[in-house]
Amino acid sequence: MSRSIDYGNLMHDAMRGLIRKVLQDVSDNGLPGAHHFFITFDTSHPDAELADWLSDRYPGEMTVVMQHWYDNLDVGEEGFAVTLNFGDAPEPLYIPYDAIRTFVDPSVEFGLRFETQQEDDEEETQGDEDTAAPAKLPATRRKDAKAEEPASEEDAEAGEAEIVSLDSFRK
């Protein structure tokens, strides 16, 4: 029987540990300087806790922003709890680290993306290389982003760079 080292899952565990350490530091000392976080997570994760109206509005995933206003940040071993303001309505959330899909700090152009097992399987069947490890993402700085509100899919698309083929400019 042959065994192998599962570098993808080991890397995911290490990166989730990094997120936990960053959030613990923010809990203890506040957000330093211009740092702020865009955190996209799976709202259908069995351990995620959010208001029914939020899970109805964001049935697959939701992006929250921790910047100007957040409260009750409680960092645990398996996830973190935080209260965020959604249109002047404070709502408590519990986000397991396993539910996080992306973690971005645009102030320093740092980001992590976690691929799900289903996405990995789809890519492997298409013959792509294994992308199980988190990837550095470009900054997603948006002038209109509010720390208290989740980014909608339209907002997320507006904040991303548009990829244009050079062929479209050829005559």
N, C-alpha and C. Protein backbone atom coordinates (compact mmCIF):
# COMPACT_ATOMS: atom_id res chain seq x y z
N MET A 1 0.84 -1.18 0.00
CA MET A 1 0.00 0.00 0.00
C MET A 1 0.88 1.24 0.00
N SER A 2 0.64 2.11 -0.96
CA SER A 2 1.43 3.32 -1.11
C SER A 2 0.70 4.50 -0.48
N ARG A 3 1.44 5.33 0.21
CA ARG A 3 0.83 6.53 0.76
C ARG A 3 1.55 7.74 0.20
N SER A 4 0.87 8.86 0.19
CA SER A 4 1.50 10.07 -0.32
C SER A 4 1.18 11.23 0.61
N ILE A 5 1.94 12.27 0.49
CA ILE A 5 1.73 13.47 1.29
C ILE A 5 0.72 14.34 0.58
N ASP A 6 -0.33 14.73 1.28
CA ASP A 6 -1.40 15.55 0.71
C ASP A 6 -1.06 17.02 0.90
N TYR A 7 -0.19 17.53 0.03
CA TYR A 7 0.28 18.90 0.17
C TYR A 7 -0.85 19.91 0.05
N GLY A 8 -1.84 19.64 -0.79
CA GLY A 8 -2.95 20.57 -0.95
C GLY A 8 -3.70 20.82 0.34
N ASN A 9 -4.09 19.75 1.03
CA ASN A 9 -4.81 19.91 2.29
C ASN A 9 -3.91 20.47 3.39
N LEU A 10 -2.63 20.09 3.41
CA LEU A 10 -1.71 20.65 4.38
C LEU A 10 -1.57 22.17 4.19
N MET A 11 -1.51 22.60 2.94
CA MET A 11 -1.40 24.02 2.64
C MET A 11 -2.68 24.76 3.06
N HIS A 12 -3.84 24.15 2.77
CA HIS A 12 -5.11 24.75 3.20
C HIS A 12 -5.15 24.92 4.72
N ASP A 13 -4.75 23.90 5.44
CA ASP A 13 -4.75 23.98 6.91
C ASP A 13 -3.82 25.10 7.39
N ALA A 14 -2.65 25.20 6.77
CA ALA A 14 -1.69 26.24 7.16
C ALA A 14 -2.25 27.63 6.86
N MET A 15 -2.88 27.80 5.71
CA MET A 15 -3.42 29.11 5.35
C MET A 15 -4.62 29.49 6.22
N ARG A 16 -5.42 28.50 6.60
CA ARG A 16 -6.52 28.79 7.53
C ARG A 16 -5.97 29.16 8.90
N GLY A 17 -4.85 28.56 9.29
CA GLY A 17 -4.18 28.95 10.52
C GLY A 17 -3.67 30.38 10.45
N LEU A 18 -3.18 30.78 9.29
CA LEU A 18 -2.73 32.14 9.09
C LEU A 18 -3.90 33.11 9.26
N ILE A 19 -5.06 32.79 8.67
CA ILE A 19 -6.25 33.63 8.81
C ILE A 19 -6.64 33.74 10.28
N ARG A 20 -6.62 32.62 10.98
CA ARG A 20 -6.97 32.63 12.41
C ARG A 20 -6.03 33.55 13.18
N LYS A 21 -4.72 33.47 12.91
CA LYS A 21 -3.75 34.32 13.61
C LYS A 21 -3.96 35.80 13.29
N VAL A 22 -4.25 36.11 12.04
CA VAL A 22 -4.49 37.50 11.65
C VAL A 22 -5.73 38.03 12.36
N LEU A 23 -6.82 37.23 12.34
CA LEU A 23 -8.05 37.67 13.00
C LEU A 23 -7.87 37.78 14.51
N GLN A 24 -7.08 36.91 15.11
CA GLN A 24 -6.83 37.00 16.55
C GLN A 24 -6.08 38.29 16.87
N ASP A 25 -5.11 38.66 16.04
CA ASP A 25 -4.39 39.91 16.24
C ASP A 25 -5.33 41.10 16.11
N VAL A 26 -6.24 41.06 15.13
CA VAL A 26 -7.21 42.14 14.96
C VAL A 26 -8.15 42.20 16.16
N SER A 27 -8.55 41.05 16.67
CA SER A 27 -9.41 41.00 17.84
C SER A 27 -8.72 41.62 19.06
N ASP A 28 -7.43 41.34 19.21
CA ASP A 28 -6.67 41.84 20.36
C ASP A 28 -6.28 43.31 20.23
N ASN A 29 -5.95 43.75 18.98
CA ASN A 29 -5.33 45.06 18.80
C ASN A 29 -6.05 45.98 17.82
N GLY A 30 -7.10 45.52 17.15
CA GLY A 30 -7.77 46.32 16.13
C GLY A 30 -7.07 46.22 14.79
N LEU A 31 -7.72 46.75 13.76
CA LEU A 31 -7.15 46.74 12.42
C LEU A 31 -6.07 47.82 12.31
N PRO A 32 -4.85 47.45 11.94
CA PRO A 32 -3.80 48.46 11.81
C PRO A 32 -3.88 49.20 10.47
N GLY A 33 -3.62 50.49 10.50
CA GLY A 33 -3.51 51.28 9.28
C GLY A 33 -4.69 51.14 8.35
N ALA A 34 -4.38 50.89 7.08
CA ALA A 34 -5.41 50.78 6.03
C ALA A 34 -5.88 49.34 5.82
N HIS A 35 -5.43 48.42 6.64
CA HIS A 35 -5.82 47.02 6.46
C HIS A 35 -7.33 46.86 6.58
N HIS A 36 -7.89 46.02 5.73
CA HIS A 36 -9.29 45.62 5.78
C HIS A 36 -9.43 44.33 5.00
N PHE A 37 -10.51 43.60 5.24
CA PHE A 37 -10.64 42.26 4.68
C PHE A 37 -11.93 42.10 3.91
N PHE A 38 -11.82 41.45 2.75
CA PHE A 38 -12.97 40.93 2.02
C PHE A 38 -12.94 39.42 2.26
N ILE A 39 -13.97 38.89 2.88
CA ILE A 39 -14.02 37.47 3.18
C ILE A 39 -15.24 36.87 2.51
N THR A 40 -15.01 35.98 1.56
CA THR A 40 -16.10 35.29 0.88
C THR A 40 -16.19 33.90 1.49
N PHE A 41 -17.43 33.51 1.85
CA PHE A 41 -17.60 32.21 2.48
C PHE A 41 -18.86 31.53 1.97
N ASP A 42 -18.90 30.22 2.15
CA ASP A 42 -20.00 29.37 1.74
C ASP A 42 -21.12 29.48 2.77
N THR A 43 -22.23 30.12 2.38
CA THR A 43 -23.34 30.33 3.32
C THR A 43 -24.10 29.04 3.59
N SER A 44 -23.90 28.03 2.76
CA SER A 44 -24.59 26.75 2.97
C SER A 44 -23.76 25.76 3.79
N HIS A 45 -22.58 26.17 4.22
CA HIS A 45 -21.75 25.29 5.06
C HIS A 45 -22.55 24.92 6.31
N PRO A 46 -22.54 23.64 6.70
CA PRO A 46 -23.39 23.21 7.82
C PRO A 46 -23.10 23.91 9.15
N ASP A 47 -21.89 24.43 9.35
CA ASP A 47 -21.57 25.09 10.62
C ASP A 47 -21.64 26.61 10.55
N ALA A 48 -21.90 27.17 9.36
CA ALA A 48 -22.02 28.62 9.23
C ALA A 48 -23.33 29.07 9.88
N GLU A 49 -23.27 30.19 10.58
CA GLU A 49 -24.46 30.72 11.23
C GLU A 49 -24.66 32.16 10.78
N LEU A 50 -25.83 32.43 10.20
CA LEU A 50 -26.19 33.76 9.77
C LEU A 50 -27.70 33.88 9.75
N ALA A 51 -28.19 35.10 9.76
CA ALA A 51 -29.63 35.33 9.79
C ALA A 51 -30.29 34.69 8.56
N ASP A 52 -31.52 34.23 8.74
CA ASP A 52 -32.25 33.60 7.64
C ASP A 52 -32.35 34.50 6.43
N TRP A 53 -32.58 35.80 6.65
CA TRP A 53 -32.73 36.70 5.51
C TRP A 53 -31.43 36.83 4.72
N LEU A 54 -30.28 36.70 5.40
CA LEU A 54 -28.99 36.73 4.70
C LEU A 54 -28.76 35.45 3.91
N SER A 55 -29.08 34.31 4.52
CA SER A 55 -28.87 33.05 3.79
C SER A 55 -29.86 32.94 2.62
N ASP A 56 -31.05 33.54 2.76
CA ASP A 56 -31.99 33.57 1.63
C ASP A 56 -31.47 34.46 0.50
N ARG A 57 -30.90 35.59 0.89
CA ARG A 57 -30.40 36.54 -0.12
C ARG A 57 -29.11 36.04 -0.78
N TYR A 58 -28.30 35.31 -0.02
CA TYR A 58 -27.02 34.79 -0.52
C TYR A 58 -26.99 33.28 -0.30
N PRO A 59 -27.70 32.51 -1.13
CA PRO A 59 -27.83 31.07 -0.89
C PRO A 59 -26.56 30.26 -1.13
N GLY A 60 -25.61 30.74 -1.88
CA GLY A 60 -24.41 29.96 -2.16
C GLY A 60 -23.18 30.50 -1.45
N GLU A 61 -22.93 31.78 -1.63
CA GLU A 61 -21.78 32.39 -0.99
C GLU A 61 -22.06 33.87 -0.77
N MET A 62 -21.32 34.44 0.16
CA MET A 62 -21.48 35.85 0.49
C MET A 62 -20.10 36.42 0.79
N THR A 63 -19.91 37.68 0.42
CA THR A 63 -18.68 38.38 0.74
C THR A 63 -18.99 39.44 1.78
N VAL A 64 -18.26 39.41 2.88
CA VAL A 64 -18.40 40.43 3.91
C VAL A 64 -17.11 41.23 3.95
N VAL A 65 -17.23 42.46 4.43
CA VAL A 65 -16.08 43.35 4.52
C VAL A 65 -15.89 43.76 5.97
N MET A 66 -14.70 43.55 6.48
CA MET A 66 -14.35 44.01 7.82
C MET A 66 -13.42 45.21 7.65
N GLN A 67 -13.96 46.40 7.98
CA GLN A 67 -13.15 47.59 7.84
C GLN A 67 -13.47 48.60 8.92
N HIS A 68 -14.47 49.44 8.70
CA HIS A 68 -14.74 50.53 9.64
C HIS A 68 -15.55 50.09 10.85
N TRP A 69 -16.58 49.25 10.63
CA TRP A 69 -17.46 48.88 11.73
C TRP A 69 -17.61 47.37 11.80
N TYR A 70 -17.18 46.82 12.87
CA TYR A 70 -17.42 45.42 13.21
C TYR A 70 -17.38 45.36 14.74
N ASP A 71 -18.02 44.33 15.29
CA ASP A 71 -18.10 44.24 16.74
C ASP A 71 -18.07 42.77 17.14
N ASN A 72 -17.74 42.53 18.39
CA ASN A 72 -17.79 41.19 18.98
C ASN A 72 -16.99 40.16 18.18
N LEU A 73 -15.82 40.53 17.70
CA LEU A 73 -14.97 39.58 16.99
C LEU A 73 -14.43 38.57 17.99
N ASP A 74 -14.83 37.32 17.82
CA ASP A 74 -14.42 36.23 18.70
C ASP A 74 -13.81 35.13 17.84
N VAL A 75 -12.51 34.94 17.98
CA VAL A 75 -11.77 34.02 17.14
C VAL A 75 -11.58 32.70 17.88
N GLY A 76 -12.03 31.61 17.25
CA GLY A 76 -11.90 30.29 17.83
C GLY A 76 -11.02 29.38 16.99
N GLU A 77 -10.90 28.14 17.41
CA GLU A 77 -10.07 27.17 16.70
C GLU A 77 -10.68 26.73 15.37
N GLU A 78 -12.01 26.65 15.30
CA GLU A 78 -12.68 26.14 14.10
C GLU A 78 -13.29 27.23 13.21
N GLY A 79 -13.42 28.45 13.77
CA GLY A 79 -14.02 29.54 13.01
C GLY A 79 -14.06 30.80 13.87
N PHE A 80 -14.73 31.83 13.34
CA PHE A 80 -14.81 33.07 14.09
C PHE A 80 -16.22 33.64 14.04
N ALA A 81 -16.56 34.38 15.08
CA ALA A 81 -17.85 35.07 15.15
C ALA A 81 -17.57 36.56 15.08
N VAL A 82 -18.48 37.27 14.42
CA VAL A 82 -18.35 38.72 14.30
C VAL A 82 -19.73 39.30 14.06
N THR A 83 -19.95 40.50 14.54
CA THR A 83 -21.19 41.21 14.25
C THR A 83 -20.86 42.30 13.25
N LEU A 84 -21.59 42.30 12.12
CA LEU A 84 -21.42 43.30 11.07
C LEU A 84 -22.72 44.04 10.87
N ASN A 85 -22.62 45.23 10.29
CA ASN A 85 -23.78 46.08 10.08
C ASN A 85 -24.25 45.97 8.63
N PHE A 86 -25.49 45.53 8.44
CA PHE A 86 -26.08 45.39 7.12
C PHE A 86 -27.22 46.40 7.00
N GLY A 87 -26.95 47.56 6.40
CA GLY A 87 -27.99 48.58 6.26
C GLY A 87 -28.54 49.04 7.59
N ASP A 88 -27.67 49.38 8.52
CA ASP A 88 -28.02 49.83 9.87
C ASP A 88 -28.70 48.74 10.71
N ALA A 89 -28.50 47.48 10.35
CA ALA A 89 -29.02 46.37 11.14
C ALA A 89 -27.85 45.46 11.52
N PRO A 90 -27.36 45.55 12.75
CA PRO A 90 -26.26 44.67 13.18
C PRO A 90 -26.71 43.20 13.17
N GLU A 91 -25.89 42.36 12.57
CA GLU A 91 -26.20 40.93 12.48
C GLU A 91 -24.98 40.12 12.90
N PRO A 92 -25.16 39.19 13.83
CA PRO A 92 -24.05 38.30 14.20
C PRO A 92 -23.86 37.21 13.14
N LEU A 93 -22.62 36.86 12.88
CA LEU A 93 -22.27 35.79 11.94
C LEU A 93 -21.29 34.86 12.63
N TYR A 94 -21.34 33.59 12.26
CA TYR A 94 -20.28 32.66 12.63
C TYR A 94 -19.80 32.03 11.34
N ILE A 95 -18.51 32.17 11.06
CA ILE A 95 -17.92 31.68 9.81
C ILE A 95 -16.85 30.66 10.15
N PRO A 96 -17.09 29.38 9.83
CA PRO A 96 -16.04 28.38 10.03
C PRO A 96 -14.90 28.61 9.03
N TYR A 97 -13.69 28.36 9.43
CA TYR A 97 -12.56 28.53 8.51
C TYR A 97 -12.72 27.66 7.28
N ASP A 98 -13.32 26.47 7.45
CA ASP A 98 -13.54 25.57 6.32
C ASP A 98 -14.52 26.14 5.30
N ALA A 99 -15.35 27.12 5.70
CA ALA A 99 -16.33 27.71 4.79
C ALA A 99 -15.74 28.85 3.98
N ILE A 100 -14.56 29.35 4.36
CA ILE A 100 -13.96 30.49 3.67
C ILE A 100 -13.50 30.06 2.28
N ARG A 101 -13.91 30.82 1.28
CA ARG A 101 -13.47 30.58 -0.11
C ARG A 101 -12.38 31.54 -0.52
N THR A 102 -12.50 32.81 -0.11
CA THR A 102 -11.43 33.77 -0.37
C THR A 102 -11.25 34.68 0.84
N PHE A 103 -10.02 35.10 1.05
CA PHE A 103 -9.66 36.04 2.09
C PHE A 103 -8.71 37.03 1.44
N VAL A 104 -9.12 38.30 1.35
CA VAL A 104 -8.32 39.30 0.65
C VAL A 104 -8.13 40.52 1.53
N ASP A 105 -6.90 41.01 1.59
CA ASP A 105 -6.59 42.29 2.22
C ASP A 105 -6.05 43.19 1.11
N PRO A 106 -6.94 43.98 0.48
CA PRO A 106 -6.51 44.78 -0.67
C PRO A 106 -5.50 45.86 -0.32
N SER A 107 -5.38 46.23 0.95
CA SER A 107 -4.45 47.30 1.31
C SER A 107 -3.00 46.90 1.06
N VAL A 108 -2.74 45.59 1.05
CA VAL A 108 -1.38 45.11 0.80
C VAL A 108 -1.35 44.11 -0.36
N GLU A 109 -2.43 44.09 -1.14
CA GLU A 109 -2.55 43.20 -2.29
C GLU A 109 -2.26 41.74 -1.94
N PHE A 110 -2.87 41.29 -0.84
CA PHE A 110 -2.70 39.90 -0.41
C PHE A 110 -4.04 39.20 -0.45
N GLY A 111 -4.04 37.97 -0.96
CA GLY A 111 -5.28 37.22 -0.97
C GLY A 111 -5.03 35.73 -1.03
N LEU A 112 -6.00 35.00 -0.50
CA LEU A 112 -5.97 33.54 -0.55
C LEU A 112 -7.28 33.07 -1.16
N ARG A 113 -7.19 32.04 -1.97
CA ARG A 113 -8.39 31.42 -2.52
C ARG A 113 -8.31 29.94 -2.24
N PHE A 114 -9.39 29.40 -1.68
CA PHE A 114 -9.45 27.99 -1.37
C PHE A 114 -10.38 27.31 -2.36
N GLU A 115 -9.85 26.35 -3.08
CA GLU A 115 -10.65 25.58 -4.02
C GLU A 115 -11.41 24.51 -3.26
N THR A 116 -12.66 24.26 -3.64
CA THR A 116 -13.41 23.18 -3.03
C THR A 116 -13.04 21.88 -3.71
N GLN A 117 -13.33 20.77 -3.06
CA GLN A 117 -13.03 19.46 -3.64
C GLN A 117 -13.75 19.29 -4.96
N GLN A 118 -14.99 19.77 -5.06
CA GLN A 118 -15.77 19.66 -6.30
C GLN A 118 -15.08 20.42 -7.43
N GLU A 119 -14.58 21.64 -7.16
CA GLU A 119 -13.88 22.41 -8.17
C GLU A 119 -12.60 21.70 -8.58
N ASP A 120 -11.88 21.10 -7.61
CA ASP A 120 -10.67 20.37 -7.93
C ASP A 120 -10.98 19.20 -8.85
N ASP A 121 -12.05 18.45 -8.54
CA ASP A 121 -12.42 17.30 -9.36
C ASP A 121 -12.77 17.72 -10.78
N GLU A 122 -13.51 18.83 -10.93
CA GLU A 122 -13.88 19.31 -12.26
C GLU A 122 -12.64 19.69 -13.06
N GLU A 123 -11.68 20.36 -12.42
CA GLU A 123 -10.47 20.77 -13.12
C GLU A 123 -9.62 19.58 -13.51
N GLU A 124 -9.56 18.56 -12.63
CA GLU A 124 -8.77 17.38 -12.95
C GLU A 124 -9.37 16.64 -14.14
N THR A 125 -10.69 16.59 -14.26
CA THR A 125 -11.31 15.91 -15.38
C THR A 125 -11.10 16.67 -16.68
N GLN A 126 -10.80 17.98 -16.58
CA GLN A 126 -10.53 18.77 -17.77
C GLN A 126 -9.05 18.74 -18.12
N GLY A 127 -8.24 18.04 -17.31
CA GLY A 127 -6.82 17.90 -17.61
C GLY A 127 -5.97 19.07 -17.11
N ASP A 128 -6.52 19.96 -16.30
CA ASP A 128 -5.74 21.07 -15.77
C ASP A 128 -4.82 20.57 -14.66
N GLU A 129 -3.83 21.40 -14.32
CA GLU A 129 -2.95 21.07 -13.21
C GLU A 129 -3.72 21.17 -11.91
N ASP A 130 -3.21 20.52 -10.88
CA ASP A 130 -3.84 20.57 -9.56
C ASP A 130 -3.71 21.98 -8.99
N THR A 131 -4.84 22.55 -8.57
CA THR A 131 -4.84 23.91 -8.03
C THR A 131 -5.34 23.91 -6.60
N ALA A 132 -5.00 22.88 -5.85
CA ALA A 132 -5.50 22.76 -4.49
C ALA A 132 -4.91 23.80 -3.55
N ALA A 133 -3.73 24.31 -3.85
CA ALA A 133 -3.10 25.27 -2.96
C ALA A 133 -3.73 26.64 -3.13
N PRO A 134 -3.77 27.44 -2.07
CA PRO A 134 -4.30 28.78 -2.17
C PRO A 134 -3.46 29.61 -3.13
N ALA A 135 -4.09 30.57 -3.78
CA ALA A 135 -3.41 31.41 -4.75
C ALA A 135 -3.39 32.85 -4.29
N LYS A 136 -2.34 33.57 -4.63
CA LYS A 136 -2.30 34.99 -4.34
C LYS A 136 -3.22 35.68 -5.34
N LEU A 137 -4.09 36.53 -4.83
CA LEU A 137 -5.05 37.23 -5.66
C LEU A 137 -4.64 38.68 -5.82
N PRO A 138 -5.05 39.32 -6.91
CA PRO A 138 -4.78 40.74 -7.06
C PRO A 138 -5.66 41.55 -6.11
N ALA A 139 -5.29 42.78 -5.90
CA ALA A 139 -6.09 43.65 -5.04
C ALA A 139 -7.46 43.86 -5.63
N THR A 140 -8.44 43.98 -4.77
CA THR A 140 -9.80 44.23 -5.23
C THR A 140 -10.29 45.54 -4.61
N ARG A 141 -9.48 46.54 -4.73
CA ARG A 141 -9.81 47.85 -4.15
C ARG A 141 -10.99 48.44 -4.90
N ARG A 142 -12.00 48.85 -4.13
CA ARG A 142 -13.19 49.44 -4.72
C ARG A 142 -13.53 50.71 -3.94
N LYS A 143 -13.73 51.81 -4.63
CA LYS A 143 -14.03 53.07 -3.97
C LYS A 143 -15.38 53.02 -3.27
N ASP A 144 -16.35 52.27 -3.83
CA ASP A 144 -17.70 52.27 -3.30
C ASP A 144 -17.95 51.18 -2.27
N ALA A 145 -16.94 50.40 -1.90
CA ALA A 145 -17.16 49.31 -0.95
C ALA A 145 -17.43 49.87 0.44
N LYS A 146 -18.43 49.33 1.11
CA LYS A 146 -18.75 49.73 2.47
C LYS A 146 -18.43 48.56 3.38
N ALA A 147 -17.79 48.83 4.49
CA ALA A 147 -17.38 47.78 5.40
C ALA A 147 -18.56 47.08 6.02
N GLU A 148 -19.69 47.75 6.11
CA GLU A 148 -20.82 47.20 6.82
C GLU A 148 -21.73 46.34 5.97
N GLU A 149 -21.53 46.32 4.66
CA GLU A 149 -22.46 45.61 3.79
C GLU A 149 -21.73 44.55 2.98
N PRO A 150 -22.42 43.44 2.70
CA PRO A 150 -21.80 42.43 1.85
C PRO A 150 -21.73 42.93 0.43
N ALA A 151 -20.72 42.51 -0.29
CA ALA A 151 -20.63 42.86 -1.70
C ALA A 151 -21.55 41.93 -2.48
N SER A 152 -22.36 42.50 -3.32
CA SER A 152 -23.22 41.67 -4.16
C SER A 152 -22.38 41.10 -5.29
N GLU A 153 -22.96 40.19 -6.05
CA GLU A 153 -22.22 39.61 -7.17
C GLU A 153 -21.87 40.70 -8.17
N GLU A 154 -22.77 41.67 -8.39
CA GLU A 154 -22.49 42.75 -9.32
C GLU A 154 -21.33 43.59 -8.82
N ASP A 155 -21.31 43.89 -7.50
CA ASP A 155 -20.22 44.66 -6.93
C ASP A 155 -18.90 43.91 -7.07
N ALA A 156 -18.94 42.60 -6.81
CA ALA A 156 -17.72 41.80 -6.91
C ALA A 156 -17.19 41.81 -8.33
N GLU A 157 -18.09 41.69 -9.31
CA GLU A 157 -17.66 41.70 -10.70
C GLU A 157 -17.09 43.06 -11.08
N ALA A 158 -17.68 44.15 -10.55
CA ALA A 158 -17.21 45.49 -10.86
C ALA A 158 -15.82 45.72 -10.28
N GLY A 159 -15.50 45.06 -9.16
CA GLY A 159 -14.22 45.25 -8.51
C GLY A 159 -13.10 44.43 -9.11
N GLU A 160 -13.41 43.51 -9.97
CA GLU A 160 -12.40 42.66 -10.57
C GLU A 160 -11.94 43.25 -11.90
N ALA A 161 -10.73 42.92 -12.28
CA ALA A 161 -10.20 43.38 -13.55
C ALA A 161 -10.89 42.67 -14.69
N GLU A 162 -11.14 43.40 -15.75
CA GLU A 162 -11.75 42.79 -16.93
C GLU A 162 -10.63 42.28 -17.83
N ILE A 163 -10.75 41.06 -18.30
CA ILE A 163 -9.75 40.48 -19.19
C ILE A 163 -10.23 40.67 -20.61
N VAL A 164 -9.41 41.32 -21.42
CA VAL A 164 -9.77 41.61 -22.79
C VAL A 164 -8.77 40.95 -23.71
N SER A 165 -9.28 40.29 -24.72
CA SER A 165 -8.43 39.65 -25.70
C SER A 165 -7.85 40.70 -26.65
N LEU A 166 -6.58 40.59 -26.98
CA LEU A 166 -5.97 41.52 -27.92
C LEU A 166 -6.59 41.38 -29.30
N ASP A 167 -7.14 40.23 -29.61
CA ASP A 167 -7.75 40.02 -30.91
C ASP A 167 -8.90 40.99 -31.16
N SER A 168 -9.56 41.45 -30.11
CA SER A 168 -10.68 42.37 -30.28
C SER A 168 -10.24 43.73 -30.79
N PHE A 169 -8.93 44.04 -30.68
CA PHE A 169 -8.42 45.33 -31.15
C PHE A 169 -7.79 45.24 -32.53
N ARG A 170 -7.65 44.07 -33.06
CA ARG A 170 -7.04 43.89 -34.39
C ARG A 170 -8.05 44.16 -35.46
N LYS A 171 -7.59 44.75 -36.57
CA LYS A 171 -8.50 45.08 -37.68
C LYS A 171 -8.39 44.06 -38.77
